[in-house]
């Protein structure tokens, strides 16, 4: 079983280095996988049904997800961009 705790994203104009708090294992089952097998699926609640704390956590998670999607798009454009390319949004 191999593990790592760093991720390097290299593009033509910059290098990103991500360092994770916990190691990520590439083979085998993790402890989290064995714990979720026994859990029952809860019915999904709407935003209005959540508590104020859960609403705040959901908004933060959505904000983080959208920011990650933005960076993924920027990386994709940066990797495929050269002087002869025109990119319009």
PDB file of N, CA and C in Angstrom:
ATOM      1  N   UNK A   1       0.847  -1.168   0.000  1.00  0.00           N
ATOM      2  CA  UNK A   1       0.000   0.000   0.000  1.00  0.00           C
ATOM      3  C   UNK A   1       0.901   1.241   0.000  1.00  0.00           C
ATOM      4  N   UNK A   2       0.701   2.118  -0.966  1.00  0.00           N
ATOM      5  CA  UNK A   2       1.500   3.337  -1.041  1.00  0.00           C
ATOM      6  C   UNK A   2       0.668   4.531  -0.604  1.00  0.00           C
ATOM      7  N   UNK A   3       1.346   5.555  -0.146  1.00  0.00           N
ATOM      8  CA  UNK A   3       0.641   6.758   0.289  1.00  0.00           C
ATOM      9  C   UNK A   3       1.433   7.996  -0.105  1.00  0.00           C
ATOM     10  N   UNK A   4       0.739   9.111  -0.123  1.00  0.00           N
ATOM     11  CA  UNK A   4       1.390  10.388  -0.401  1.00  0.00           C
ATOM     12  C   UNK A   4       0.648  11.481   0.357  1.00  0.00           C
ATOM     13  N   UNK A   5       1.301  12.623   0.564  1.00  0.00           N
ATOM     14  CA  UNK A   5       0.640  13.735   1.231  1.00  0.00           C
ATOM     15  C   UNK A   5       0.868  15.060   0.507  1.00  0.00           C
ATOM     16  N   UNK A   6       1.422  15.000  -0.707  1.00  0.00           N
ATOM     17  CA  UNK A   6       1.636  16.211  -1.499  1.00  0.00           C
ATOM     18  C   UNK A   6       1.124  16.000  -2.914  1.00  0.00           C
ATOM     19  N   UNK A   7       0.639  17.101  -3.503  1.00  0.00           N
ATOM     20  CA  UNK A   7       0.178  17.083  -4.888  1.00  0.00           C
ATOM     21  C   UNK A   7       0.797  18.290  -5.576  1.00  0.00           C
ATOM     22  N   UNK A   8       1.396  18.082  -6.731  1.00  0.00           N
ATOM     23  CA  UNK A   8       2.041  19.167  -7.468  1.00  0.00           C
ATOM     24  C   UNK A   8       1.315  19.344  -8.792  1.00  0.00           C
ATOM     25  N   UNK A   9       0.873  20.582  -9.043  1.00  0.00           N
ATOM     26  CA  UNK A   9       0.227  20.930 -10.305  1.00  0.00           C
ATOM     27  C   UNK A   9       1.152  21.901 -11.010  1.00  0.00           C
ATOM     28  N   UNK A  10       1.648  21.497 -12.175  1.00  0.00           N
ATOM     29  CA  UNK A  10       2.623  22.307 -12.901  1.00  0.00           C
ATOM     30  C   UNK A  10       2.010  22.773 -14.217  1.00  0.00           C
ATOM     31  N   UNK A  11       1.989  24.082 -14.437  1.00  0.00           N
ATOM     32  CA  UNK A  11       1.545  24.647 -15.709  1.00  0.00           C
ATOM     33  C   UNK A  11       2.687  25.474 -16.276  1.00  0.00           C
ATOM     34  N   UNK A  12       2.441  26.112 -17.413  1.00  0.00           N
ATOM     35  CA  UNK A  12       3.518  26.874 -18.050  1.00  0.00           C
ATOM     36  C   UNK A  12       3.887  28.132 -17.281  1.00  0.00           C
ATOM     37  N   UNK A  13       2.956  28.682 -16.513  1.00  0.00           N
ATOM     38  CA  UNK A  13       3.242  29.953 -15.848  1.00  0.00           C
ATOM     39  C   UNK A  13       3.421  29.855 -14.334  1.00  0.00           C
ATOM     40  N   UNK A  14       3.032  28.752 -13.706  1.00  0.00           N
ATOM     41  CA  UNK A  14       3.194  28.643 -12.257  1.00  0.00           C
ATOM     42  C   UNK A  14       3.201  27.183 -11.820  1.00  0.00           C
ATOM     43  N   UNK A  15       3.576  26.977 -10.559  1.00  0.00           N
ATOM     44  CA  UNK A  15       3.576  25.648  -9.946  1.00  0.00           C
ATOM     45  C   UNK A  15       2.795  25.744  -8.643  1.00  0.00           C
ATOM     46  N   UNK A  16       1.832  24.837  -8.461  1.00  0.00           N
ATOM     47  CA  UNK A  16       1.070  24.770  -7.215  1.00  0.00           C
ATOM     48  C   UNK A  16       1.521  23.531  -6.459  1.00  0.00           C
ATOM     49  N   UNK A  17       1.726  23.679  -5.155  1.00  0.00           N
ATOM     50  CA  UNK A  17       2.066  22.533  -4.315  1.00  0.00           C
ATOM     51  C   UNK A  17       1.019  22.447  -3.211  1.00  0.00           C
ATOM     52  N   UNK A  18       0.282  21.346  -3.206  1.00  0.00           N
ATOM     53  CA  UNK A  18      -0.745  21.097  -2.199  1.00  0.00           C
ATOM     54  C   UNK A  18      -0.176  20.103  -1.195  1.00  0.00           C
ATOM     55  N   UNK A  19      -0.276  20.414   0.077  1.00  0.00           N
ATOM     56  CA  UNK A  19       0.180  19.497   1.116  1.00  0.00           C
ATOM     57  C   UNK A  19      -1.019  19.124   1.984  1.00  0.00           C
ATOM     58  N   UNK A  20      -1.310  17.824   2.058  1.00  0.00           N
ATOM     59  CA  UNK A  20      -2.461  17.332   2.794  1.00  0.00           C
ATOM     60  C   UNK A  20      -2.089  17.056   4.248  1.00  0.00           C
ATOM     61  N   UNK A  21      -3.074  17.216   5.147  1.00  0.00           N
ATOM     62  CA  UNK A  21      -2.841  16.948   6.566  1.00  0.00           C
ATOM     63  C   UNK A  21      -2.630  15.459   6.820  1.00  0.00           C
ATOM     64  N   UNK A  22      -3.440  14.635   6.153  1.00  0.00           N
ATOM     65  CA  UNK A  22      -3.375  13.189   6.346  1.00  0.00           C
ATOM     66  C   UNK A  22      -2.898  12.537   5.055  1.00  0.00           C
ATOM     67  N   UNK A  23      -2.178  11.430   5.145  1.00  0.00           N
ATOM     68  CA  UNK A  23      -1.709  10.762   3.921  1.00  0.00           C
ATOM     69  C   UNK A  23      -2.873  10.159   3.141  1.00  0.00           C
ATOM     70  N   UNK A  24      -2.707  10.096   1.834  1.00  0.00           N
ATOM     71  CA  UNK A  24      -3.706   9.519   0.946  1.00  0.00           C
ATOM     72  C   UNK A  24      -3.156   8.193   0.441  1.00  0.00           C
ATOM     73  N   UNK A  25      -3.928   7.122   0.640  1.00  0.00           N
ATOM     74  CA  UNK A  25      -3.494   5.781   0.266  1.00  0.00           C
ATOM     75  C   UNK A  25      -4.058   5.430  -1.097  1.00  0.00           C
ATOM     76  N   UNK A  26      -3.250   4.768  -1.915  1.00  0.00           N
ATOM     77  CA  UNK A  26      -3.666   4.494  -3.283  1.00  0.00           C
ATOM     78  C   UNK A  26      -4.269   3.107  -3.484  1.00  0.00           C
ATOM     79  N   UNK A  27      -4.056   2.169  -2.581  1.00  0.00           N
ATOM     80  CA  UNK A  27      -4.611   0.827  -2.743  1.00  0.00           C
ATOM     81  C   UNK A  27      -5.247   0.376  -1.440  1.00  0.00           C
ATOM     82  N   UNK A  28      -6.255  -0.477  -1.542  1.00  0.00           N
ATOM     83  CA  UNK A  28      -6.892  -1.041  -0.370  1.00  0.00           C
ATOM     84  C   UNK A  28      -8.014  -0.163   0.149  1.00  0.00           C
ATOM     85  N   UNK A  29      -8.727  -0.675   1.135  1.00  0.00           N
ATOM     86  CA  UNK A  29      -9.832   0.062   1.730  1.00  0.00           C
ATOM     87  C   UNK A  29      -9.322   0.965   2.839  1.00  0.00           C
ATOM     88  N   UNK A  30      -9.914   2.127   2.930  1.00  0.00           N
ATOM     89  CA  UNK A  30      -9.555   3.023   4.022  1.00  0.00           C
ATOM     90  C   UNK A  30     -10.487   2.773   5.204  1.00  0.00           C
ATOM     91  N   UNK A  31     -10.180   3.364   6.319  1.00  0.00           N
ATOM     92  CA  UNK A  31     -11.008   3.216   7.513  1.00  0.00           C
ATOM     93  C   UNK A  31     -12.377   3.835   7.273  1.00  0.00           C
ATOM     94  N   UNK A  32     -12.426   4.928   6.545  1.00  0.00           N
ATOM     95  CA  UNK A  32     -13.694   5.598   6.276  1.00  0.00           C
ATOM     96  C   UNK A  32     -14.625   4.728   5.443  1.00  0.00           C
ATOM     97  N   UNK A  33     -14.083   3.968   4.501  1.00  0.00           N
ATOM     98  CA  UNK A  33     -14.905   3.098   3.667  1.00  0.00           C
ATOM     99  C   UNK A  33     -15.610   2.029   4.501  1.00  0.00           C
ATOM    100  N   UNK A  34     -14.936   1.462   5.477  1.00  0.00           N
ATOM    101  CA  UNK A  34     -15.536   0.410   6.281  1.00  0.00           C
ATOM    102  C   UNK A  34     -16.606   0.973   7.204  1.00  0.00           C
ATOM    103  N   UNK A  35     -16.449   2.218   7.649  1.00  0.00           N
ATOM    104  CA  UNK A  35     -17.446   2.813   8.530  1.00  0.00           C
ATOM    105  C   UNK A  35     -18.720   3.189   7.777  1.00  0.00           C
ATOM    106  N   UNK A  36     -18.626   3.575   6.541  1.00  0.00           N
ATOM    107  CA  UNK A  36     -19.801   4.021   5.791  1.00  0.00           C
ATOM    108  C   UNK A  36     -20.640   2.872   5.263  1.00  0.00           C
ATOM    109  N   UNK A  37     -20.110   1.675   5.233  1.00  0.00           N
ATOM    110  CA  UNK A  37     -20.878   0.541   4.727  1.00  0.00           C
ATOM    111  C   UNK A  37     -22.087   0.245   5.610  1.00  0.00           C
ATOM    112  N   UNK A  38     -21.965   0.470   6.905  1.00  0.00           N
ATOM    113  CA  UNK A  38     -23.035   0.139   7.833  1.00  0.00           C
ATOM    114  C   UNK A  38     -24.026   1.282   8.027  1.00  0.00           C
ATOM    115  N   UNK A  39     -23.724   2.456   7.516  1.00  0.00           N
ATOM    116  CA  UNK A  39     -24.601   3.604   7.718  1.00  0.00           C
ATOM    117  C   UNK A  39     -25.842   3.505   6.846  1.00  0.00           C
ATOM    118  N   UNK A  40     -26.939   4.013   7.399  1.00  0.00           N
ATOM    119  CA  UNK A  40     -28.173   4.082   6.651  1.00  0.00           C
ATOM    120  C   UNK A  40     -28.197   5.388   5.879  1.00  0.00           C
ATOM    121  N   UNK A  41     -28.760   5.381   4.691  1.00  0.00           N
ATOM    122  CA  UNK A  41     -28.843   6.617   3.925  1.00  0.00           C
ATOM    123  C   UNK A  41     -29.942   7.490   4.509  1.00  0.00           C
ATOM    124  N   UNK A  42     -29.592   8.733   4.818  1.00  0.00           N
ATOM    125  CA  UNK A  42     -30.572   9.675   5.341  1.00  0.00           C
ATOM    126  C   UNK A  42     -31.245  10.389   4.176  1.00  0.00           C
ATOM    127  N   UNK A  43     -32.485  10.783   4.403  1.00  0.00           N
ATOM    128  CA  UNK A  43     -33.208  11.515   3.368  1.00  0.00           C
ATOM    129  C   UNK A  43     -32.596  12.903   3.234  1.00  0.00           C
ATOM    130  N   UNK A  44     -32.379  13.334   2.015  1.00  0.00           N
ATOM    131  CA  UNK A  44     -31.763  14.634   1.774  1.00  0.00           C
ATOM    132  C   UNK A  44     -32.750  15.742   2.127  1.00  0.00           C
ATOM    133  N   UNK A  45     -32.260  16.706   2.912  1.00  0.00           N
ATOM    134  CA  UNK A  45     -33.102  17.821   3.333  1.00  0.00           C
ATOM    135  C   UNK A  45     -32.850  19.035   2.449  1.00  0.00           C
ATOM    136  N   UNK A  46     -33.867  19.862   2.307  1.00  0.00           N
ATOM    137  CA  UNK A  46     -33.703  21.096   1.544  1.00  0.00           C
ATOM    138  C   UNK A  46     -32.927  22.098   2.385  1.00  0.00           C
ATOM    139  N   UNK A  47     -32.512  23.179   1.749  1.00  0.00           N
ATOM    140  CA  UNK A  47     -31.720  24.198   2.438  1.00  0.00           C
ATOM    141  C   UNK A  47     -32.502  24.808   3.600  1.00  0.00           C
ATOM    142  N   UNK A  48     -33.811  25.005   3.422  1.00  0.00           N
ATOM    143  CA  UNK A  48     -34.634  25.614   4.478  1.00  0.00           C
ATOM    144  C   UNK A  48     -34.795  24.694   5.683  1.00  0.00           C
ATOM    145  N   UNK A  49     -34.702  23.392   5.481  1.00  0.00           N
ATOM    146  CA  UNK A  49     -34.856  22.438   6.579  1.00  0.00           C
ATOM    147  C   UNK A  49     -33.595  22.302   7.430  1.00  0.00           C
ATOM    148  N   UNK A  50     -32.475  22.787   6.954  1.00  0.00           N
ATOM    149  CA  UNK A  50     -31.223  22.676   7.698  1.00  0.00           C
ATOM    150  C   UNK A  50     -31.180  23.676   8.847  1.00  0.00           C
ATOM    151  N   UNK A  51     -30.397  23.342   9.863  1.00  0.00           N
ATOM    152  CA  UNK A  51     -30.189  24.282  10.966  1.00  0.00           C
ATOM    153  C   UNK A  51     -29.294  25.415  10.472  1.00  0.00           C
ATOM    154  N   UNK A  52     -29.282  26.547  11.172  1.00  0.00           N
ATOM    155  CA  UNK A  52     -28.418  27.658  10.734  1.00  0.00           C
ATOM    156  C   UNK A  52     -26.940  27.263  10.608  1.00  0.00           C
ATOM    157  N   UNK A  53     -26.446  26.425  11.505  1.00  0.00           N
ATOM    158  CA  UNK A  53     -25.057  25.974  11.428  1.00  0.00           C
ATOM    159  C   UNK A  53     -24.842  25.117  10.179  1.00  0.00           C
ATOM    160  N   UNK A  54     -25.775  24.204   9.905  1.00  0.00           N
ATOM    161  CA  UNK A  54     -25.670  23.356   8.717  1.00  0.00           C
ATOM    162  C   UNK A  54     -25.786  24.177   7.437  1.00  0.00           C
ATOM    163  N   UNK A  55     -26.630  25.222   7.454  1.00  0.00           N
ATOM    164  CA  UNK A  55     -26.744  26.108   6.293  1.00  0.00           C
ATOM    165  C   UNK A  55     -25.424  26.816   6.028  1.00  0.00           C
ATOM    166  N   UNK A  56     -24.796  27.285   7.091  1.00  0.00           N
ATOM    167  CA  UNK A  56     -23.505  27.967   6.949  1.00  0.00           C
ATOM    168  C   UNK A  56     -22.444  27.012   6.408  1.00  0.00           C
ATOM    169  N   UNK A  57     -22.426  25.779   6.928  1.00  0.00           N
ATOM    170  CA  UNK A  57     -21.464  24.785   6.455  1.00  0.00           C
ATOM    171  C   UNK A  57     -21.703  24.452   4.984  1.00  0.00           C
ATOM    172  N   UNK A  58     -22.958  24.358   4.591  1.00  0.00           N
ATOM    173  CA  UNK A  58     -23.271  24.048   3.193  1.00  0.00           C
ATOM    174  C   UNK A  58     -22.837  25.179   2.272  1.00  0.00           C
ATOM    175  N   UNK A  59     -23.071  26.427   2.693  1.00  0.00           N
ATOM    176  CA  UNK A  59     -22.655  27.569   1.880  1.00  0.00           C
ATOM    177  C   UNK A  59     -21.135  27.617   1.738  1.00  0.00           C
ATOM    178  N   UNK A  60     -20.417  27.317   2.821  1.00  0.00           N
ATOM    179  CA  UNK A  60     -18.951  27.290   2.763  1.00  0.00           C
ATOM    180  C   UNK A  60     -18.464  26.190   1.822  1.00  0.00           C
ATOM    181  N   UNK A  61     -19.115  25.019   1.888  1.00  0.00           N
ATOM    182  CA  UNK A  61     -18.745  23.898   1.021  1.00  0.00           C
ATOM    183  C   UNK A  61     -19.008  24.241  -0.449  1.00  0.00           C
ATOM    184  N   UNK A  62     -20.147  24.901  -0.715  1.00  0.00           N
ATOM    185  CA  UNK A  62     -20.465  25.312  -2.086  1.00  0.00           C
ATOM    186  C   UNK A  62     -19.463  26.346  -2.585  1.00  0.00           C
ATOM    187  N   UNK A  63     -19.087  27.265  -1.700  1.00  0.00           N
ATOM    188  CA  UNK A  63     -18.105  28.293  -2.061  1.00  0.00           C
ATOM    189  C   UNK A  63     -16.768  27.645  -2.413  1.00  0.00           C
ATOM    190  N   UNK A  64     -16.347  26.678  -1.589  1.00  0.00           N
ATOM    191  CA  UNK A  64     -15.080  25.986  -1.814  1.00  0.00           C
ATOM    192  C   UNK A  64     -15.119  25.191  -3.121  1.00  0.00           C
ATOM    193  N   UNK A  65     -16.236  24.498  -3.369  1.00  0.00           N
ATOM    194  CA  UNK A  65     -16.378  23.694  -4.579  1.00  0.00           C
ATOM    195  C   UNK A  65     -16.321  24.556  -5.829  1.00  0.00           C
ATOM    196  N   UNK A  66     -16.985  25.700  -5.797  1.00  0.00           N
ATOM    197  CA  UNK A  66     -16.983  26.587  -6.966  1.00  0.00           C
ATOM    198  C   UNK A  66     -15.618  27.208  -7.195  1.00  0.00           C
ATOM    199  N   UNK A  67     -14.914  27.516  -6.115  1.00  0.00           N
ATOM    200  CA  UNK A  67     -13.567  28.059  -6.250  1.00  0.00           C
ATOM    201  C   UNK A  67     -12.623  27.018  -6.852  1.00  0.00           C
ATOM    202  N   UNK A  68     -12.760  25.756  -6.417  1.00  0.00           N
ATOM    203  CA  UNK A  68     -11.945  24.677  -6.987  1.00  0.00           C
ATOM    204  C   UNK A  68     -12.259  24.479  -8.470  1.00  0.00           C
ATOM    205  N   UNK A  69     -13.541  24.575  -8.845  1.00  0.00           N
ATOM    206  CA  UNK A  69     -13.921  24.438 -10.254  1.00  0.00           C
ATOM    207  C   UNK A  69     -13.330  25.576 -11.081  1.00  0.00           C
ATOM    208  N   UNK A  70     -13.319  26.768 -10.516  1.00  0.00           N
ATOM    209  CA  UNK A  70     -12.729  27.922 -11.206  1.00  0.00           C
ATOM    210  C   UNK A  70     -11.244  27.689 -11.453  1.00  0.00           C
ATOM    211  N   UNK A  71     -10.529  27.203 -10.425  1.00  0.00           N
ATOM    212  CA  UNK A  71      -9.095  26.961 -10.575  1.00  0.00           C
ATOM    213  C   UNK A  71      -8.818  25.831 -11.558  1.00  0.00           C
ATOM    214  N   UNK A  72      -9.675  24.810 -11.568  1.00  0.00           N
ATOM    215  CA  UNK A  72      -9.511  23.726 -12.548  1.00  0.00           C
ATOM    216  C   UNK A  72      -9.645  24.252 -13.969  1.00  0.00           C
ATOM    217  N   UNK A  73     -10.611  25.143 -14.189  1.00  0.00           N
ATOM    218  CA  UNK A  73     -10.784  25.735 -15.516  1.00  0.00           C
ATOM    219  C   UNK A  73      -9.584  26.602 -15.881  1.00  0.00           C
ATOM    220  N   UNK A  74      -9.103  27.402 -14.928  1.00  0.00           N
ATOM    221  CA  UNK A  74      -7.941  28.247 -15.196  1.00  0.00           C
ATOM    222  C   UNK A  74      -6.704  27.412 -15.512  1.00  0.00           C
ATOM    223  N   UNK A  75      -6.518  26.298 -14.807  1.00  0.00           N
ATOM    224  CA  UNK A  75      -5.390  25.407 -15.091  1.00  0.00           C
ATOM    225  C   UNK A  75      -5.507  24.810 -16.485  1.00  0.00           C
ATOM    226  N   UNK A  76      -6.708  24.391 -16.840  1.00  0.00           N
ATOM    227  CA  UNK A  76      -6.937  23.800 -18.155  1.00  0.00           C
ATOM    228  C   UNK A  76      -6.622  24.798 -19.264  1.00  0.00           C
ATOM    229  N   UNK A  77      -7.076  26.031 -19.104  1.00  0.00           N
ATOM    230  CA  UNK A  77      -6.799  27.067 -20.099  1.00  0.00           C
ATOM    231  C   UNK A  77      -5.308  27.355 -20.149  1.00  0.00           C
ATOM    232  N   UNK A  78      -4.678  27.446 -18.986  1.00  0.00           N
ATOM    233  CA  UNK A  78      -3.251  27.772 -18.924  1.00  0.00           C
ATOM    234  C   UNK A  78      -2.395  26.672 -19.555  1.00  0.00           C
ATOM    235  N   UNK A  79      -2.785  25.420 -19.368  1.00  0.00           N
ATOM    236  CA  UNK A  79      -2.017  24.309 -19.944  1.00  0.00           C
ATOM    237  C   UNK A  79      -2.138  24.254 -21.462  1.00  0.00           C
ATOM    238  N   UNK A  80      -3.270  24.664 -21.995  1.00  0.00           N
ATOM    239  CA  UNK A  80      -3.520  24.533 -23.428  1.00  0.00           C
ATOM    240  C   UNK A  80      -3.365  25.841 -24.188  1.00  0.00           C
ATOM    241  N   UNK A  81      -2.827  26.856 -23.570  1.00  0.00           N
ATOM    242  CA  UNK A  81      -2.721  28.173 -24.196  1.00  0.00           C
ATOM    243  C   UNK A  81      -1.345  28.363 -24.812  1.00  0.00           C
ATOM    244  N   UNK A  82      -1.305  28.866 -26.038  1.00  0.00           N
ATOM    245  CA  UNK A  82      -0.046  29.281 -26.652  1.00  0.00           C
ATOM    246  C   UNK A  82      -0.287  30.605 -27.382  1.00  0.00           C
ATOM    247  N   UNK A  83       0.703  31.119 -28.056  1.00  0.00           N
ATOM    248  CA  UNK A  83       0.600  32.443 -28.670  1.00  0.00           C
ATOM    249  C   UNK A  83      -0.394  32.498 -29.823  1.00  0.00           C
ATOM    250  N   UNK A  84      -0.695  31.381 -30.424  1.00  0.00           N
ATOM    251  CA  UNK A  84      -1.617  31.381 -31.559  1.00  0.00           C
ATOM    252  C   UNK A  84      -3.054  31.092 -31.150  1.00  0.00           C
ATOM    253  N   UNK A  85      -3.304  30.868 -29.867  1.00  0.00           N
ATOM    254  CA  UNK A  85      -4.631  30.514 -29.389  1.00  0.00           C
ATOM    255  C   UNK A  85      -5.404  31.767 -28.995  1.00  0.00           C
ATOM    256  N   UNK A  86      -6.684  31.797 -29.334  1.00  0.00           N
ATOM    257  CA  UNK A  86      -7.556  32.862 -28.830  1.00  0.00           C
ATOM    258  C   UNK A  86      -8.620  32.199 -27.969  1.00  0.00           C
ATOM    259  N   UNK A  87      -8.832  32.737 -26.803  1.00  0.00           N
ATOM    260  CA  UNK A  87      -9.770  32.148 -25.853  1.00  0.00           C
ATOM    261  C   UNK A  87     -10.755  33.220 -25.435  1.00  0.00           C
ATOM    262  N   UNK A  88     -12.032  32.996 -25.689  1.00  0.00           N
ATOM    263  CA  UNK A  88     -13.072  33.957 -25.346  1.00  0.00           C
ATOM    264  C   UNK A  88     -14.001  33.347 -24.320  1.00  0.00           C
ATOM    265  N   UNK A  89     -14.451  34.187 -23.387  1.00  0.00           N
ATOM    266  CA  UNK A  89     -15.432  33.721 -22.402  1.00  0.00           C
ATOM    267  C   UNK A  89     -16.691  34.518 -22.511  1.00  0.00           C
TER     268      UNK A  89
END
